[in-house]
Amino acid sequence: MRKSIRKKKRRKTIAPTDNRYGNNKGRDNGKDKVIMNERIRSQEVRLIDENGENHGVVPTSKALAMAEEADLDLVVVSQNQEPPVCKILNYGKYRYELEKKAKEAKKKQHTVDVKEVKVRYKIDTHDYQVRIKNINKFISQGNKVKIVVMLRGREMQHSNLAFDLANKFMADLEGDTIMVEKKPQLEGRNVTLFLAPASN
């Protein structure tokens, strides 16, 4: 009685479209093209299997056969060596992990903005407290703050009052969480003061 022989399908060279792991859904965006499976042109590779075991340098054909046997992919993870380093892995999951790490790294990055707070030297108590509250909020978000005490026309004759207000801001805000980056100085017709988050 003849036994039916099930022929194993040859793995495709394109990235798997495993939606569970949020891969590229078969689209090639032209960036960071992954070299995998039959796209690997090197005759030999440095092989790491799906269990993390290092097999050293092996023929690429053997590495492909091992990947196919495990129903996984052979992916180049480092092209900077000769021969290149390849791993046997689930490409869909691998791509998902890479994208997840990239998103986490992006979240940790913070672009420091300089928030400008403009006031007149005749500011009343309520408005002053509102400015203090806003400055504390900006600093807590990791931003720097430029306080601008504006002087117009004949008010330049009272620049000392503008410096007094800038020094009051400095005295009320400087502490454990806020540091003075630049002390009050005259810039054109304005008195400016720069504050920044205190270094831990």
Protein backbone atom coordinates (compact mmCIF):
# COMPACT_ATOMS: atom_id res chain seq x y z
CA MET A 1 0.00 0.00 0.00
CA ARG A 2 1.50 3.29 -1.08
CA LYS A 3 1.93 5.92 1.60
CA SER A 4 0.99 9.44 0.69
CA ILE A 5 4.01 11.73 0.92
CA ARG A 6 3.28 15.25 2.05
CA LYS A 7 5.59 17.65 0.32
CA LYS A 8 6.75 20.57 2.41
CA LYS A 9 6.11 23.99 0.91
CA ARG A 10 9.11 26.20 0.31
CA ARG A 11 9.02 29.31 2.48
CA LYS A 12 8.41 32.58 0.68
CA THR A 13 11.07 35.26 0.73
CA ILE A 14 8.70 38.10 1.59
CA ALA A 15 8.01 39.16 5.14
CA PRO A 16 5.14 37.21 6.72
CA THR A 17 1.87 39.07 7.09
CA ASP A 18 1.04 38.15 10.67
CA ASN A 19 -1.45 40.80 11.82
CA ARG A 20 -1.20 39.63 15.41
CA TYR A 21 2.21 41.22 15.64
CA GLY A 22 1.47 44.43 13.76
CA ASN A 23 3.85 43.92 10.87
CA ASN A 24 3.86 45.80 7.56
CA LYS A 25 0.90 43.85 6.15
CA GLY A 26 2.85 42.92 3.07
CA ARG A 27 3.71 46.48 2.13
CA ASP A 28 7.29 47.47 1.40
CA ASN A 29 7.85 51.06 2.48
CA GLY A 30 11.38 51.09 1.08
CA LYS A 31 12.93 51.69 4.48
CA ASP A 32 14.98 49.26 6.55
CA LYS A 33 14.50 46.37 4.13
CA VAL A 34 15.04 43.10 5.92
CA ILE A 35 17.23 40.46 4.29
CA MET A 36 15.73 37.08 5.03
CA ASN A 37 15.28 33.54 3.73
CA GLU A 38 16.19 33.20 0.04
CA ARG A 39 17.10 36.88 -0.18
CA ILE A 40 20.33 36.03 1.66
CA ARG A 41 23.09 36.02 -0.97
CA SER A 42 26.02 34.99 1.23
CA GLN A 43 27.17 31.39 0.83
CA GLU A 44 27.72 31.10 4.59
CA VAL A 45 26.22 32.71 7.69
CA ARG A 46 26.92 32.89 11.39
CA LEU A 47 23.86 31.11 12.72
CA ILE A 48 21.92 31.55 15.96
CA ASP A 49 18.93 29.23 16.21
CA GLU A 50 15.48 29.86 17.69
CA ASN A 51 16.69 28.78 21.14
CA GLY A 52 19.59 31.24 21.13
CA GLU A 53 22.21 28.56 20.49
CA ASN A 54 25.20 29.72 18.44
CA HIS A 55 26.05 27.28 15.64
CA GLY A 56 28.99 29.30 14.34
CA VAL A 57 29.58 29.54 10.60
CA VAL A 58 27.38 27.20 8.57
CA PRO A 59 26.37 27.00 4.89
CA THR A 60 23.40 29.22 4.14
CA SER A 61 21.58 26.26 2.60
CA LYS A 62 21.83 24.38 5.90
CA ALA A 63 20.62 27.40 7.87
CA LEU A 64 17.64 27.76 5.52
CA ALA A 65 16.80 24.09 5.93
CA MET A 66 16.89 24.42 9.72
CA ALA A 67 14.61 27.45 9.58
CA GLU A 68 12.19 25.65 7.29
CA GLU A 69 12.19 22.61 9.55
CA ALA A 70 11.25 24.83 12.51
CA ASP A 71 8.61 26.59 10.35
CA LEU A 72 10.37 29.90 11.05
CA ASP A 73 12.39 32.47 9.13
CA LEU A 74 16.11 32.97 8.65
CA VAL A 75 16.75 36.69 9.19
CA VAL A 76 19.97 38.67 8.86
CA VAL A 77 20.36 40.62 12.12
CA SER A 78 23.85 41.99 11.48
CA GLN A 79 25.37 42.65 8.07
CA ASN A 80 28.50 44.23 9.51
CA GLN A 81 30.28 40.91 9.94
CA GLU A 82 31.65 38.52 7.35
CA PRO A 83 29.81 36.25 7.00
CA PRO A 84 26.63 38.02 8.24
CA VAL A 85 24.90 37.02 11.48
CA CYS A 86 21.53 35.33 11.01
CA LYS A 87 18.87 34.21 13.46
CA ILE A 88 16.10 31.66 13.11
CA LEU A 89 12.96 33.39 14.36
CA ASN A 90 9.34 34.36 13.77
CA TYR A 91 9.74 37.43 11.58
CA GLY A 92 6.27 38.81 12.35
CA LYS A 93 6.98 38.75 16.07
CA TYR A 94 10.51 40.08 15.52
CA ARG A 95 9.19 43.04 13.52
CA TYR A 96 6.56 43.73 16.19
CA GLU A 97 9.21 43.78 18.95
CA LEU A 98 11.42 46.16 16.94
CA GLU A 99 8.52 48.56 16.37
CA LYS A 100 7.52 48.35 20.03
CA LYS A 101 11.06 49.23 21.17
CA ALA A 102 11.19 52.11 18.70
CA LYS A 103 7.90 53.52 20.03
CA GLU A 104 9.10 53.22 23.64
CA ALA A 105 12.36 54.98 22.77
CA LYS A 106 10.41 57.76 21.06
CA LYS A 107 8.22 58.22 24.14
CA LYS A 108 11.31 58.66 26.30
CA GLN A 109 12.65 61.35 24.01
CA HIS A 110 11.57 64.83 24.98
CA THR A 111 12.11 67.91 22.87
CA VAL A 112 12.85 70.81 25.19
CA ASP A 113 10.82 73.88 24.25
CA VAL A 114 11.39 77.41 25.50
CA LYS A 115 8.06 78.77 26.70
CA GLU A 116 7.83 82.55 26.70
CA VAL A 117 5.90 84.34 29.43
CA LYS A 118 5.37 88.06 28.81
CA VAL A 119 4.42 90.49 31.57
CA ARG A 120 4.35 94.22 32.26
CA TYR A 121 6.16 95.54 35.31
CA LYS A 122 2.84 96.92 36.59
CA ILE A 123 1.32 93.41 36.79
CA ASP A 124 -1.26 92.94 39.56
CA THR A 125 -1.11 90.23 42.24
CA HIS A 126 -3.69 87.90 40.63
CA ASP A 127 -2.01 87.95 37.19
CA TYR A 128 1.36 87.43 38.84
CA GLN A 129 0.11 84.28 40.59
CA VAL A 130 -1.35 83.00 37.30
CA ARG A 131 2.06 83.46 35.64
CA ILE A 132 3.76 81.63 38.53
CA LYS A 133 1.33 78.72 38.10
CA ASN A 134 1.93 78.56 34.34
CA ILE A 135 5.70 78.67 34.75
CA ASN A 136 5.62 75.82 37.26
CA LYS A 137 3.52 73.79 34.81
CA PHE A 138 5.94 74.41 31.91
CA ILE A 139 8.94 73.47 34.06
CA SER A 140 7.24 70.29 35.31
CA GLN A 141 6.78 69.26 31.67
CA GLY A 142 10.55 69.51 31.17
CA ASN A 143 10.51 72.81 29.27
CA LYS A 144 12.56 75.95 29.77
CA VAL A 145 10.91 79.31 30.40
CA LYS A 146 11.85 82.77 29.19
CA ILE A 147 10.23 85.52 31.26
CA VAL A 148 9.98 88.80 29.38
CA VAL A 149 9.19 91.99 31.31
CA MET A 150 8.14 94.40 28.56
CA LEU A 151 8.92 98.10 28.60
CA ARG A 152 7.30 100.58 26.25
CA GLY A 153 8.07 104.18 25.47
CA ARG A 154 8.83 106.16 28.63
CA GLU A 155 8.68 102.99 30.71
CA MET A 156 12.36 102.53 29.81
CA GLN A 157 13.00 105.16 32.47
CA HIS A 158 11.73 102.63 35.02
CA SER A 159 13.80 99.65 33.91
CA ASN A 160 14.79 99.21 37.56
CA LEU A 161 11.18 98.24 38.30
CA ALA A 162 11.31 95.65 35.52
CA PHE A 163 14.48 94.21 37.07
CA ASP A 164 12.76 94.17 40.47
CA LEU A 165 9.89 92.11 39.01
CA ALA A 166 12.28 89.71 37.25
CA ASN A 167 14.20 89.27 40.52
CA LYS A 168 10.91 88.59 42.32
CA PHE A 169 10.11 85.83 39.82
CA MET A 170 13.59 84.41 40.36
CA ALA A 171 13.26 84.47 44.15
CA ASP A 172 9.77 82.94 44.16
CA LEU A 173 10.53 80.18 41.66
CA GLU A 174 14.13 79.07 42.20
CA GLY A 175 14.31 75.92 44.29
CA ASP A 176 14.51 72.13 44.16
CA THR A 177 12.77 71.83 40.80
CA ILE A 178 13.67 75.12 39.09
CA MET A 179 17.05 76.67 38.40
CA VAL A 180 18.05 80.04 36.97
CA GLU A 181 19.73 79.53 33.60
CA LYS A 182 20.30 83.23 32.87
CA LYS A 183 19.86 85.99 35.43
CA PRO A 184 17.78 89.07 34.58
CA GLN A 185 19.31 91.15 31.81
CA LEU A 186 18.27 93.92 29.49
CA GLU A 187 17.57 92.83 25.91
CA GLY A 188 16.56 95.76 23.75
CA ARG A 189 13.50 97.24 25.46
CA ASN A 190 12.81 94.17 27.60
CA VAL A 191 14.21 92.61 30.74
CA THR A 192 14.53 88.85 30.35
CA LEU A 193 15.06 85.95 32.72
CA PHE A 194 15.66 82.31 31.73
CA LEU A 195 14.56 79.42 33.95
CA ALA A 196 15.07 75.67 33.46
CA PRO A 197 14.26 72.40 35.23
CA ALA A 198 16.76 71.76 38.01
CA SER A 199 19.27 68.99 37.32
CA ASN A 200 18.89 65.99 39.61
